[in-house]
C-alpha atoms as a PDB file:
ATOM      1  CA  UNK A   1       0.000   0.000   0.000  1.00  0.00           C
ATOM      2  CA  UNK A   2       1.260   3.488  -0.874  1.00  0.00           C
ATOM      3  CA  UNK A   3       1.490   6.022   1.959  1.00  0.00           C
ATOM      4  CA  UNK A   4       2.305   9.745   1.762  1.00  0.00           C
ATOM      5  CA  UNK A   5       5.113  10.113   4.283  1.00  0.00           C
ATOM      6  CA  UNK A   6       6.536  13.407   5.571  1.00  0.00           C
ATOM      7  CA  UNK A   7      10.138  13.449   4.387  1.00  0.00           C
ATOM      8  CA  UNK A   8      10.967  16.962   5.621  1.00  0.00           C
ATOM      9  CA  UNK A   9       9.480  20.241   6.807  1.00  0.00           C
ATOM     10  CA  UNK A  10      10.399  23.929   6.983  1.00  0.00           C
ATOM     11  CA  UNK A  11       9.149  27.422   7.770  1.00  0.00           C
ATOM     12  CA  UNK A  12       9.756  31.086   7.031  1.00  0.00           C
ATOM     13  CA  UNK A  13       8.693  34.253   8.863  1.00  0.00           C
ATOM     14  CA  UNK A  14       8.929  37.939   7.970  1.00  0.00           C
ATOM     15  CA  UNK A  15      11.674  39.933   9.678  1.00  0.00           C
ATOM     16  CA  UNK A  16       9.360  42.392  11.445  1.00  0.00           C
ATOM     17  CA  UNK A  17       7.636  41.413  14.686  1.00  0.00           C
ATOM     18  CA  UNK A  18       4.631  43.398  15.931  1.00  0.00           C
ATOM     19  CA  UNK A  19       3.934  43.124  19.658  1.00  0.00           C
ATOM     20  CA  UNK A  20       0.464  43.742  21.050  1.00  0.00           C
ATOM     21  CA  UNK A  21       1.648  47.021  22.532  1.00  0.00           C
ATOM     22  CA  UNK A  22       2.375  48.290  19.011  1.00  0.00           C
ATOM     23  CA  UNK A  23      -1.372  48.421  18.349  1.00  0.00           C
ATOM     24  CA  UNK A  24      -2.144  50.646  21.306  1.00  0.00           C
ATOM     25  CA  UNK A  25      -1.415  53.823  19.355  1.00  0.00           C
ATOM     26  CA  UNK A  26      -3.328  52.606  16.297  1.00  0.00           C
ATOM     27  CA  UNK A  27      -6.657  51.317  17.623  1.00  0.00           C
ATOM     28  CA  UNK A  28      -8.441  51.151  20.978  1.00  0.00           C
ATOM     29  CA  UNK A  29      -6.930  47.994  22.440  1.00  0.00           C
ATOM     30  CA  UNK A  30      -4.300  46.757  24.888  1.00  0.00           C
ATOM     31  CA  UNK A  31      -1.892  43.883  25.338  1.00  0.00           C
ATOM     32  CA  UNK A  32      -4.006  42.576  28.227  1.00  0.00           C
ATOM     33  CA  UNK A  33      -7.217  42.656  26.139  1.00  0.00           C
ATOM     34  CA  UNK A  34      -5.643  40.803  23.193  1.00  0.00           C
ATOM     35  CA  UNK A  35      -3.947  38.135  25.320  1.00  0.00           C
ATOM     36  CA  UNK A  36      -7.052  37.505  27.411  1.00  0.00           C
ATOM     37  CA  UNK A  37      -9.344  37.014  24.428  1.00  0.00           C
ATOM     38  CA  UNK A  38      -7.022  35.337  21.929  1.00  0.00           C
ATOM     39  CA  UNK A  39      -3.753  34.224  23.524  1.00  0.00           C
ATOM     40  CA  UNK A  40      -1.816  36.215  20.913  1.00  0.00           C
ATOM     41  CA  UNK A  41       1.248  38.148  22.102  1.00  0.00           C
ATOM     42  CA  UNK A  42       2.980  38.933  18.806  1.00  0.00           C
ATOM     43  CA  UNK A  43       2.851  38.337  15.057  1.00  0.00           C
ATOM     44  CA  UNK A  44       5.175  38.760  12.077  1.00  0.00           C
ATOM     45  CA  UNK A  45       4.286  41.333   9.408  1.00  0.00           C
ATOM     46  CA  UNK A  46       5.717  41.252   5.892  1.00  0.00           C
ATOM     47  CA  UNK A  47       7.767  44.140   4.535  1.00  0.00           C
ATOM     48  CA  UNK A  48       7.307  45.389   0.970  1.00  0.00           C
ATOM     49  CA  UNK A  49       9.979  42.979  -0.306  1.00  0.00           C
ATOM     50  CA  UNK A  50       8.401  39.978   1.486  1.00  0.00           C
ATOM     51  CA  UNK A  51       5.509  38.338  -0.346  1.00  0.00           C
ATOM     52  CA  UNK A  52       3.516  35.132  -0.293  1.00  0.00           C
ATOM     53  CA  UNK A  53       5.813  33.822  -3.044  1.00  0.00           C
ATOM     54  CA  UNK A  54       9.094  34.791  -1.353  1.00  0.00           C
ATOM     55  CA  UNK A  55       8.020  33.405   2.022  1.00  0.00           C
ATOM     56  CA  UNK A  56       6.697  30.254   0.339  1.00  0.00           C
ATOM     57  CA  UNK A  57       9.975  29.803  -1.506  1.00  0.00           C
ATOM     58  CA  UNK A  58      11.980  30.156   1.716  1.00  0.00           C
ATOM     59  CA  UNK A  59       9.790  27.617   3.538  1.00  0.00           C
ATOM     60  CA  UNK A  60      10.023  25.256   0.556  1.00  0.00           C
ATOM     61  CA  UNK A  61      13.822  25.446   0.498  1.00  0.00           C
ATOM     62  CA  UNK A  62      13.935  24.764   4.241  1.00  0.00           C
ATOM     63  CA  UNK A  63      11.677  21.720   3.790  1.00  0.00           C
ATOM     64  CA  UNK A  64      13.808  20.423   0.927  1.00  0.00           C
ATOM     65  CA  UNK A  65      16.981  20.847   3.000  1.00  0.00           C
ATOM     66  CA  UNK A  66      15.304  18.997   5.871  1.00  0.00           C
ATOM     67  CA  UNK A  67      14.394  16.173   3.495  1.00  0.00           C
ATOM     68  CA  UNK A  68      17.849  16.037   1.894  1.00  0.00           C
ATOM     69  CA  UNK A  69      16.264  16.691  -1.499  1.00  0.00           C
ATOM     70  CA  UNK A  70      16.461  19.270  -4.293  1.00  0.00           C
ATOM     71  CA  UNK A  71      13.744  20.809  -6.498  1.00  0.00           C
ATOM     72  CA  UNK A  72      14.692  18.248  -9.151  1.00  0.00           C
ATOM     73  CA  UNK A  73      13.238  15.543  -6.880  1.00  0.00           C
ATOM     74  CA  UNK A  74       9.773  17.169  -6.679  1.00  0.00           C
ATOM     75  CA  UNK A  75       6.906  16.276  -9.050  1.00  0.00           C
ATOM     76  CA  UNK A  76       4.199  18.619  -7.772  1.00  0.00           C
ATOM     77  CA  UNK A  77       3.826  21.814  -5.736  1.00  0.00           C
ATOM     78  CA  UNK A  78       0.516  22.504  -3.975  1.00  0.00           C
ATOM     79  CA  UNK A  79       0.338  25.962  -2.414  1.00  0.00           C
ATOM     80  CA  UNK A  80      -2.420  26.756   0.057  1.00  0.00           C
ATOM     81  CA  UNK A  81      -3.018  30.505   0.144  1.00  0.00           C
ATOM     82  CA  UNK A  82      -5.733  33.164   0.215  1.00  0.00           C
ATOM     83  CA  UNK A  83      -3.261  35.970  -0.483  1.00  0.00           C
ATOM     84  CA  UNK A  84      -1.609  35.151  -3.829  1.00  0.00           C
ATOM     85  CA  UNK A  85       0.964  37.461  -5.396  1.00  0.00           C
ATOM     86  CA  UNK A  86      -1.284  37.881  -8.436  1.00  0.00           C
ATOM     87  CA  UNK A  87      -4.870  37.055  -9.380  1.00  0.00           C
ATOM     88  CA  UNK A  88      -3.165  34.761 -11.880  1.00  0.00           C
ATOM     89  CA  UNK A  89      -0.984  32.888 -12.577  1.00  0.00           C
ATOM     90  CA  UNK A  90      -0.982  30.709  -9.490  1.00  0.00           C
ATOM     91  CA  UNK A  91       1.636  31.730  -6.943  1.00  0.00           C
ATOM     92  CA  UNK A  92       2.649  28.050  -6.849  1.00  0.00           C
ATOM     93  CA  UNK A  93       3.947  28.467 -10.399  1.00  0.00           C
ATOM     94  CA  UNK A  94       5.924  31.539  -9.274  1.00  0.00           C
ATOM     95  CA  UNK A  95       7.478  29.489  -6.466  1.00  0.00           C
ATOM     96  CA  UNK A  96       8.188  26.666  -8.907  1.00  0.00           C
ATOM     97  CA  UNK A  97      10.136  29.108 -11.084  1.00  0.00           C
ATOM     98  CA  UNK A  98      11.952  30.640  -8.099  1.00  0.00           C
ATOM     99  CA  UNK A  99      13.112  27.146  -7.152  1.00  0.00           C
ATOM    100  CA  UNK A 100      14.473  26.648 -10.664  1.00  0.00           C
ATOM    101  CA  UNK A 101      12.012  23.809 -11.219  1.00  0.00           C
ATOM    102  CA  UNK A 102      10.925  23.542 -14.858  1.00  0.00           C
ATOM    103  CA  UNK A 103       9.295  20.118 -14.774  1.00  0.00           C
ATOM    104  CA  UNK A 104       6.239  18.692 -13.062  1.00  0.00           C
ATOM    105  CA  UNK A 105       3.245  20.882 -12.205  1.00  0.00           C
ATOM    106  CA  UNK A 106       2.055  23.352  -9.590  1.00  0.00           C
ATOM    107  CA  UNK A 107      -1.213  24.925  -8.498  1.00  0.00           C
ATOM    108  CA  UNK A 108      -2.795  27.017  -5.746  1.00  0.00           C
ATOM    109  CA  UNK A 109      -5.503  25.721  -3.432  1.00  0.00           C
ATOM    110  CA  UNK A 110      -7.890  28.127  -1.714  1.00  0.00           C
ATOM    111  CA  UNK A 111      -9.644  27.028   1.477  1.00  0.00           C
ATOM    112  CA  UNK A 112      -8.559  29.969   3.670  1.00  0.00           C
ATOM    113  CA  UNK A 113      -7.339  28.794   7.097  1.00  0.00           C
ATOM    114  CA  UNK A 114      -8.127  25.163   6.236  1.00  0.00           C
ATOM    115  CA  UNK A 115      -5.915  25.408   3.156  1.00  0.00           C
ATOM    116  CA  UNK A 116      -2.916  23.442   4.392  1.00  0.00           C
ATOM    117  CA  UNK A 117      -5.061  20.583   5.702  1.00  0.00           C
ATOM    118  CA  UNK A 118      -6.929  20.496   2.378  1.00  0.00           C
ATOM    119  CA  UNK A 119      -3.592  20.622   0.519  1.00  0.00           C
ATOM    120  CA  UNK A 120      -2.100  17.683   2.448  1.00  0.00           C
ATOM    121  CA  UNK A 121      -5.226  15.609   1.757  1.00  0.00           C
ATOM    122  CA  UNK A 122      -5.090  16.599  -1.928  1.00  0.00           C
ATOM    123  CA  UNK A 123      -1.383  15.805  -2.262  1.00  0.00           C
ATOM    124  CA  UNK A 124      -2.024  12.424  -0.636  1.00  0.00           C
ATOM    125  CA  UNK A 125      -4.540  11.601  -3.370  1.00  0.00           C
ATOM    126  CA  UNK A 126      -2.064  12.519  -6.121  1.00  0.00           C
ATOM    127  CA  UNK A 127       0.573  10.317  -4.500  1.00  0.00           C
ATOM    128  CA  UNK A 128      -1.755   7.371  -3.899  1.00  0.00           C
ATOM    129  CA  UNK A 129      -3.098   7.741  -7.439  1.00  0.00           C
ATOM    130  CA  UNK A 130       0.407   7.454  -8.867  1.00  0.00           C
ATOM    131  CA  UNK A 131       0.494  10.933 -10.415  1.00  0.00           C
ATOM    132  CA  UNK A 132       3.340  12.147  -8.178  1.00  0.00           C
ATOM    133  CA  UNK A 133       6.044  10.526  -6.099  1.00  0.00           C
ATOM    134  CA  UNK A 134       7.105  13.596  -4.130  1.00  0.00           C
ATOM    135  CA  UNK A 135       4.958  16.643  -3.422  1.00  0.00           C
ATOM    136  CA  UNK A 136       5.940  19.961  -1.892  1.00  0.00           C
ATOM    137  CA  UNK A 137       2.954  21.157   0.158  1.00  0.00           C
ATOM    138  CA  UNK A 138       3.173  24.802   1.208  1.00  0.00           C
ATOM    139  CA  UNK A 139       0.983  27.128   3.243  1.00  0.00           C
ATOM    140  CA  UNK A 140       1.994  30.754   2.728  1.00  0.00           C
ATOM    141  CA  UNK A 141       0.118  33.947   3.588  1.00  0.00           C
ATOM    142  CA  UNK A 142       0.507  37.719   3.802  1.00  0.00           C
ATOM    143  CA  UNK A 143      -2.775  38.543   5.524  1.00  0.00           C
ATOM    144  CA  UNK A 144      -1.399  41.928   6.545  1.00  0.00           C
ATOM    145  CA  UNK A 145      -2.118  42.993   2.941  1.00  0.00           C
ATOM    146  CA  UNK A 146      -5.885  42.489   3.340  1.00  0.00           C
ATOM    147  CA  UNK A 147      -6.423  43.786   6.869  1.00  0.00           C
ATOM    148  CA  UNK A 148      -8.332  46.940   7.740  1.00  0.00           C
ATOM    149  CA  UNK A 149      -5.836  48.447  10.164  1.00  0.00           C
ATOM    150  CA  UNK A 150      -8.568  50.623  11.704  1.00  0.00           C
ATOM    151  CA  UNK A 151     -10.694  47.597  12.689  1.00  0.00           C
ATOM    152  CA  UNK A 152      -9.519  46.553  16.158  1.00  0.00           C
ATOM    153  CA  UNK A 153     -11.593  43.365  16.052  1.00  0.00           C
ATOM    154  CA  UNK A 154      -9.544  41.893  13.177  1.00  0.00           C
ATOM    155  CA  UNK A 155      -6.220  43.709  12.701  1.00  0.00           C
ATOM    156  CA  UNK A 156      -4.759  42.355  15.956  1.00  0.00           C
ATOM    157  CA  UNK A 157      -5.539  38.739  15.097  1.00  0.00           C
ATOM    158  CA  UNK A 158      -3.568  37.969  11.958  1.00  0.00           C
ATOM    159  CA  UNK A 159       0.058  37.590  10.926  1.00  0.00           C
ATOM    160  CA  UNK A 160       2.194  36.568   7.957  1.00  0.00           C
ATOM    161  CA  UNK A 161       4.388  33.540   7.379  1.00  0.00           C
ATOM    162  CA  UNK A 162       4.877  30.258   5.541  1.00  0.00           C
ATOM    163  CA  UNK A 163       5.401  26.593   6.300  1.00  0.00           C
ATOM    164  CA  UNK A 164       5.976  23.538   4.113  1.00  0.00           C
ATOM    165  CA  UNK A 165       6.345  19.781   4.104  1.00  0.00           C
ATOM    166  CA  UNK A 166       7.680  17.329   1.537  1.00  0.00           C
ATOM    167  CA  UNK A 167       5.432  14.286   1.140  1.00  0.00           C
ATOM    168  CA  UNK A 168       6.945  11.177  -0.433  1.00  0.00           C
ATOM    169  CA  UNK A 169       5.387   7.921  -1.639  1.00  0.00           C
ATOM    170  CA  UNK A 170       6.535   5.032   0.529  1.00  0.00           C
ATOM    171  CA  UNK A 171       5.269   1.507   1.030  1.00  0.00           C
ATOM    172  CA  UNK A 172       3.018   0.672   3.959  1.00  0.00           C
ATOM    173  CA  UNK A 173       1.181  -2.375   5.291  1.00  0.00           C
ATOM    174  CA  UNK A 174      -2.206  -0.654   5.424  1.00  0.00           C
ATOM    175  CA  UNK A 175      -2.444  -0.444   9.207  1.00  0.00           C
ATOM    176  CA  UNK A 176      -2.415   2.298  11.821  1.00  0.00           C
ATOM    177  CA  UNK A 177       1.277   1.630  12.418  1.00  0.00           C
ATOM    178  CA  UNK A 178       2.243   2.867   8.947  1.00  0.00           C
ATOM    179  CA  UNK A 179       4.077   6.153   8.612  1.00  0.00           C
ATOM    180  CA  UNK A 180       2.361   8.811   6.491  1.00  0.00           C
ATOM    181  CA  UNK A 181      -1.175  10.083   5.987  1.00  0.00           C
ATOM    182  CA  UNK A 182      -3.611   7.623   7.563  1.00  0.00           C
ATOM    183  CA  UNK A 183      -6.997   9.361   7.376  1.00  0.00           C
ATOM    184  CA  UNK A 184      -8.573  12.672   6.412  1.00  0.00           C
ATOM    185  CA  UNK A 185     -11.960  14.355   6.554  1.00  0.00           C
ATOM    186  CA  UNK A 186     -12.814  17.631   4.795  1.00  0.00           C
ATOM    187  CA  UNK A 187     -15.996  19.723   4.995  1.00  0.00           C
ATOM    188  CA  UNK A 188     -17.427  23.043   3.855  1.00  0.00           C
ATOM    189  CA  UNK A 189     -20.723  24.911   4.070  1.00  0.00           C
ATOM    190  CA  UNK A 190     -21.187  28.115   2.086  1.00  0.00           C
ATOM    191  CA  UNK A 191     -24.185  29.228   4.129  1.00  0.00           C
ATOM    192  CA  UNK A 192     -21.639  30.753   6.507  1.00  0.00           C
ATOM    193  CA  UNK A 193     -19.846  32.799   3.829  1.00  0.00           C
ATOM    194  CA  UNK A 194     -20.756  36.215   5.264  1.00  0.00           C
ATOM    195  CA  UNK A 195     -19.388  35.399   8.723  1.00  0.00           C
ATOM    196  CA  UNK A 196     -15.748  35.500   7.545  1.00  0.00           C
ATOM    197  CA  UNK A 197     -14.876  36.920   4.137  1.00  0.00           C
ATOM    198  CA  UNK A 198     -12.992  39.566   2.162  1.00  0.00           C
ATOM    199  CA  UNK A 199     -15.205  42.340   0.805  1.00  0.00           C
ATOM    200  CA  UNK A 200     -13.562  42.528  -2.609  1.00  0.00           C
ATOM    201  CA  UNK A 201     -12.523  40.477  -5.618  1.00  0.00           C
ATOM    202  CA  UNK A 202     -11.878  40.638  -9.382  1.00  0.00           C
ATOM    203  CA  UNK A 203     -15.427  39.651 -10.382  1.00  0.00           C
ATOM    204  CA  UNK A 204     -17.296  41.837  -7.879  1.00  0.00           C
ATOM    205  CA  UNK A 205     -15.512  45.033  -6.910  1.00  0.00           C
ATOM    206  CA  UNK A 206     -12.365  44.823  -9.010  1.00  0.00           C
ATOM    207  CA  UNK A 207     -10.376  45.423  -5.807  1.00  0.00           C
ATOM    208  CA  UNK A 208      -8.523  43.263  -3.317  1.00  0.00           C
ATOM    209  CA  UNK A 209     -10.809  44.267  -0.433  1.00  0.00           C
ATOM    210  CA  UNK A 210     -10.413  43.835   3.314  1.00  0.00           C
ATOM    211  CA  UNK A 211     -11.060  40.976   5.708  1.00  0.00           C
ATOM    212  CA  UNK A 212     -14.388  41.130   7.548  1.00  0.00           C
ATOM    213  CA  UNK A 213     -15.393  38.819  10.383  1.00  0.00           C
ATOM    214  CA  UNK A 214     -18.263  38.234  12.777  1.00  0.00           C
ATOM    215  CA  UNK A 215     -16.041  37.009  15.583  1.00  0.00           C
ATOM    216  CA  UNK A 216     -18.743  35.726  17.916  1.00  0.00           C
ATOM    217  CA  UNK A 217     -20.406  33.761  15.109  1.00  0.00           C
ATOM    218  CA  UNK A 218     -17.113  32.157  14.086  1.00  0.00           C
ATOM    219  CA  UNK A 219     -16.357  31.234  17.692  1.00  0.00           C
ATOM    220  CA  UNK A 220     -19.866  29.832  18.171  1.00  0.00           C
ATOM    221  CA  UNK A 221     -19.508  27.381  15.263  1.00  0.00           C
ATOM    222  CA  UNK A 222     -15.804  26.578  15.566  1.00  0.00           C
ATOM    223  CA  UNK A 223     -15.675  24.064  18.408  1.00  0.00           C
ATOM    224  CA  UNK A 224     -18.617  21.988  17.153  1.00  0.00           C
ATOM    225  CA  UNK A 225     -17.360  21.834  13.586  1.00  0.00           C
ATOM    226  CA  UNK A 226     -13.810  20.993  14.642  1.00  0.00           C
ATOM    227  CA  UNK A 227     -15.029  18.230  16.957  1.00  0.00           C
ATOM    228  CA  UNK A 228     -17.248  16.762  14.246  1.00  0.00           C
ATOM    229  CA  UNK A 229     -14.520  16.457  11.625  1.00  0.00           C
ATOM    230  CA  UNK A 230     -11.954  15.108  14.073  1.00  0.00           C
ATOM    231  CA  UNK A 231     -14.313  12.426  15.328  1.00  0.00           C
ATOM    232  CA  UNK A 232     -14.952  11.421  11.700  1.00  0.00           C
ATOM    233  CA  UNK A 233     -11.193  11.122  11.159  1.00  0.00           C
ATOM    234  CA  UNK A 234     -10.786   9.057  14.327  1.00  0.00           C
ATOM    235  CA  UNK A 235     -13.559   6.735  13.113  1.00  0.00           C
ATOM    236  CA  UNK A 236     -11.835   6.247   9.750  1.00  0.00           C
ATOM    237  CA  UNK A 237      -8.569   5.294  11.433  1.00  0.00           C
ATOM    238  CA  UNK A 238     -10.162   3.278  14.241  1.00  0.00           C
ATOM    239  CA  UNK A 239      -8.497   5.256  17.023  1.00  0.00           C
ATOM    240  CA  UNK A 240      -9.455   7.503  19.949  1.00  0.00           C
ATOM    241  CA  UNK A 241      -8.016  10.741  21.298  1.00  0.00           C
ATOM    242  CA  UNK A 242      -5.975   8.737  23.793  1.00  0.00           C
ATOM    243  CA  UNK A 243      -3.983   7.185  20.928  1.00  0.00           C
ATOM    244  CA  UNK A 244      -2.664  10.557  19.754  1.00  0.00           C
ATOM    245  CA  UNK A 245       0.841  11.739  20.488  1.00  0.00           C
ATOM    246  CA  UNK A 246       0.258  15.301  19.260  1.00  0.00           C
ATOM    247  CA  UNK A 247      -2.626  17.563  18.288  1.00  0.00           C
ATOM    248  CA  UNK A 248      -1.599  20.415  15.948  1.00  0.00           C
ATOM    249  CA  UNK A 249      -4.645  22.662  15.499  1.00  0.00           C
ATOM    250  CA  UNK A 250      -5.105  25.822  13.466  1.00  0.00           C
ATOM    251  CA  UNK A 251      -3.686  28.674  15.518  1.00  0.00           C
ATOM    252  CA  UNK A 252      -6.525  31.211  15.514  1.00  0.00           C
ATOM    253  CA  UNK A 253      -7.562  31.613  19.126  1.00  0.00           C
ATOM    254  CA  UNK A 254      -6.268  29.962  22.302  1.00  0.00           C
ATOM    255  CA  UNK A 255      -9.789  29.689  23.728  1.00  0.00           C
ATOM    256  CA  UNK A 256     -11.000  27.744  20.664  1.00  0.00           C
ATOM    257  CA  UNK A 257      -7.959  25.456  20.843  1.00  0.00           C
ATOM    258  CA  UNK A 258      -8.490  24.771  24.563  1.00  0.00           C
ATOM    259  CA  UNK A 259     -12.241  24.199  24.215  1.00  0.00           C
ATOM    260  CA  UNK A 260     -11.788  21.826  21.259  1.00  0.00           C
ATOM    261  CA  UNK A 261      -9.124  19.761  22.987  1.00  0.00           C
ATOM    262  CA  UNK A 262     -11.212  19.524  26.162  1.00  0.00           C
ATOM    263  CA  UNK A 263     -14.333  18.443  24.279  1.00  0.00           C
ATOM    264  CA  UNK A 264     -12.367  15.772  22.403  1.00  0.00           C
ATOM    265  CA  UNK A 265     -10.596  14.528  25.510  1.00  0.00           C
ATOM    266  CA  UNK A 266      -7.127  15.425  24.230  1.00  0.00           C
ATOM    267  CA  UNK A 267      -4.706  16.031  27.082  1.00  0.00           C
ATOM    268  CA  UNK A 268      -3.381  19.588  27.344  1.00  0.00           C
ATOM    269  CA  UNK A 269       0.243  18.439  27.189  1.00  0.00           C
ATOM    270  CA  UNK A 270      -0.388  16.905  23.759  1.00  0.00           C
ATOM    271  CA  UNK A 271      -1.585  20.171  22.178  1.00  0.00           C
ATOM    272  CA  UNK A 272       0.868  22.262  20.154  1.00  0.00           C
ATOM    273  CA  UNK A 273       0.166  25.976  20.673  1.00  0.00           C
ATOM    274  CA  UNK A 274       2.019  28.724  18.780  1.00  0.00           C
ATOM    275  CA  UNK A 275      -0.747  31.314  18.446  1.00  0.00           C
ATOM    276  CA  UNK A 276       1.117  33.474  20.979  1.00  0.00           C
ATOM    277  CA  UNK A 277       4.111  33.689  18.621  1.00  0.00           C
ATOM    278  CA  UNK A 278       2.481  33.970  15.199  1.00  0.00           C
ATOM    279  CA  UNK A 279      -1.144  35.037  15.569  1.00  0.00           C
ATOM    280  CA  UNK A 280      -3.494  33.628  12.946  1.00  0.00           C
ATOM    281  CA  UNK A 281      -1.471  33.016   9.786  1.00  0.00           C
ATOM    282  CA  UNK A 282      -4.335  31.276   7.953  1.00  0.00           C
ATOM    283  CA  UNK A 283      -3.023  28.491   5.684  1.00  0.00           C
ATOM    284  CA  UNK A 284       0.489  28.903   7.123  1.00  0.00           C
ATOM    285  CA  UNK A 285      -0.749  28.294  10.668  1.00  0.00           C
ATOM    286  CA  UNK A 286      -0.579  24.495  10.887  1.00  0.00           C
ATOM    287  CA  UNK A 287       2.792  24.027   9.098  1.00  0.00           C
ATOM    288  CA  UNK A 288       4.334  26.822  11.202  1.00  0.00           C
ATOM    289  CA  UNK A 289       3.139  25.088  14.372  1.00  0.00           C
ATOM    290  CA  UNK A 290       4.487  21.788  13.051  1.00  0.00           C
ATOM    291  CA  UNK A 291       7.877  23.366  12.384  1.00  0.00           C
ATOM    292  CA  UNK A 292       8.128  24.662  15.957  1.00  0.00           C
ATOM    293  CA  UNK A 293       7.185  21.299  17.496  1.00  0.00           C
ATOM    294  CA  UNK A 294       9.587  19.371  15.244  1.00  0.00           C
ATOM    295  CA  UNK A 295      12.439  21.834  15.850  1.00  0.00           C
ATOM    296  CA  UNK A 296      12.106  21.682  19.646  1.00  0.00           C
ATOM    297  CA  UNK A 297      12.022  17.882  19.614  1.00  0.00           C
ATOM    298  CA  UNK A 298       8.420  17.295  20.628  1.00  0.00           C
ATOM    299  CA  UNK A 299       7.279  15.662  17.370  1.00  0.00           C
ATOM    300  CA  UNK A 300       9.471  12.697  16.537  1.00  0.00           C
ATOM    301  CA  UNK A 301       9.530   9.973  13.908  1.00  0.00           C
ATOM    302  CA  UNK A 302       6.750   7.482  14.555  1.00  0.00           C
ATOM    303  CA  UNK A 303       4.510   9.889  16.484  1.00  0.00           C
ATOM    304  CA  UNK A 304       0.780   9.916  15.707  1.00  0.00           C
ATOM    305  CA  UNK A 305      -0.132  13.511  14.816  1.00  0.00           C
ATOM    306  CA  UNK A 306      -3.528  15.102  14.186  1.00  0.00           C
ATOM    307  CA  UNK A 307      -3.766  18.266  12.076  1.00  0.00           C
ATOM    308  CA  UNK A 308      -6.952  20.356  12.147  1.00  0.00           C
ATOM    309  CA  UNK A 309      -8.172  23.692  10.790  1.00  0.00           C
ATOM    310  CA  UNK A 310     -11.264  25.785  10.157  1.00  0.00           C
ATOM    311  CA  UNK A 311     -11.529  28.801   7.864  1.00  0.00           C
ATOM    312  CA  UNK A 312     -13.785  31.171   5.963  1.00  0.00           C
ATOM    313  CA  UNK A 313     -16.444  29.649   3.817  1.00  0.00           C
ATOM    314  CA  UNK A 314     -16.795  27.920   6.241  1.00  0.00           C
ATOM    315  CA  UNK A 315     -14.270  25.211   5.466  1.00  0.00           C
ATOM    316  CA  UNK A 316     -12.912  22.747   8.004  1.00  0.00           C
ATOM    317  CA  UNK A 317     -10.968  19.534   8.026  1.00  0.00           C
ATOM    318  CA  UNK A 318      -8.584  17.166   9.760  1.00  0.00           C
ATOM    319  CA  UNK A 319      -5.697  14.928   8.704  1.00  0.00           C
ATOM    320  CA  UNK A 320      -4.226  12.115  10.778  1.00  0.00           C
ATOM    321  CA  UNK A 321      -0.660  11.073  10.015  1.00  0.00           C
ATOM    322  CA  UNK A 322       2.200   9.192  11.551  1.00  0.00           C
ATOM    323  CA  UNK A 323       5.352  11.296  11.444  1.00  0.00           C
END
């Protein structure tokens, strides 16, 4: 049986760090208010010369170095992003060119904050279907470009960054002990579109627009939706929360992370939390959290890891893999 195994991972962050206190002269807020309600203490913000493509390229190169591979070894690039460099072509193609890769194929995937989880599940299908042996899966965002910096309810929440993994086809026995992607469950429901969206686009306003969010509505739906999709993934794999080594959720809000883990019965010490360092980096959130937990030695080869995210649309999903 073919499994999509993580061969390497990497990350990239903009040079500039914005602390919560930096917002106090911009909007009516405070460090205490932001930390209490979100758990966020800082975020990285891209400079003019830092883009979704440049950050994605840097994360991709780090993942390739981690895997001991070169761009010549990659068959496919899947980039999860809601903030592409251009309306078209796909920013994945830009990254492909930056890497000096002139073979294979590349495309963007848009599922907002769920993008990386969707992208891993998609890459797994290409690998299992025999259309690619090695796939570079990237989540890269520059949400600072679409924020309304006068809206205190949203501008303090988001940050920029990129993370990546290299997935490689390897043989497995078909059991829960295999390394690689073991199960996945993806969902969406467009009835919730107006709760988290950008108020612009090529076909409507002809502008990029700004992010708009009904925070209480998002929070109200988040825990239930996350729990639902994770339980479906557990059922596919035939496991329970107690079998997990690590839970790597989307880093949007510490209260959502804590409530989800508690409802699922996942022990606090198994939850990877980086929202305090990065804020909500949308599709880059999960791979950035992965990179921190791998770098500090928490996630090790053979560990059972659950990835989860929820984003605008709404979209939500979970992927279970053995590292």
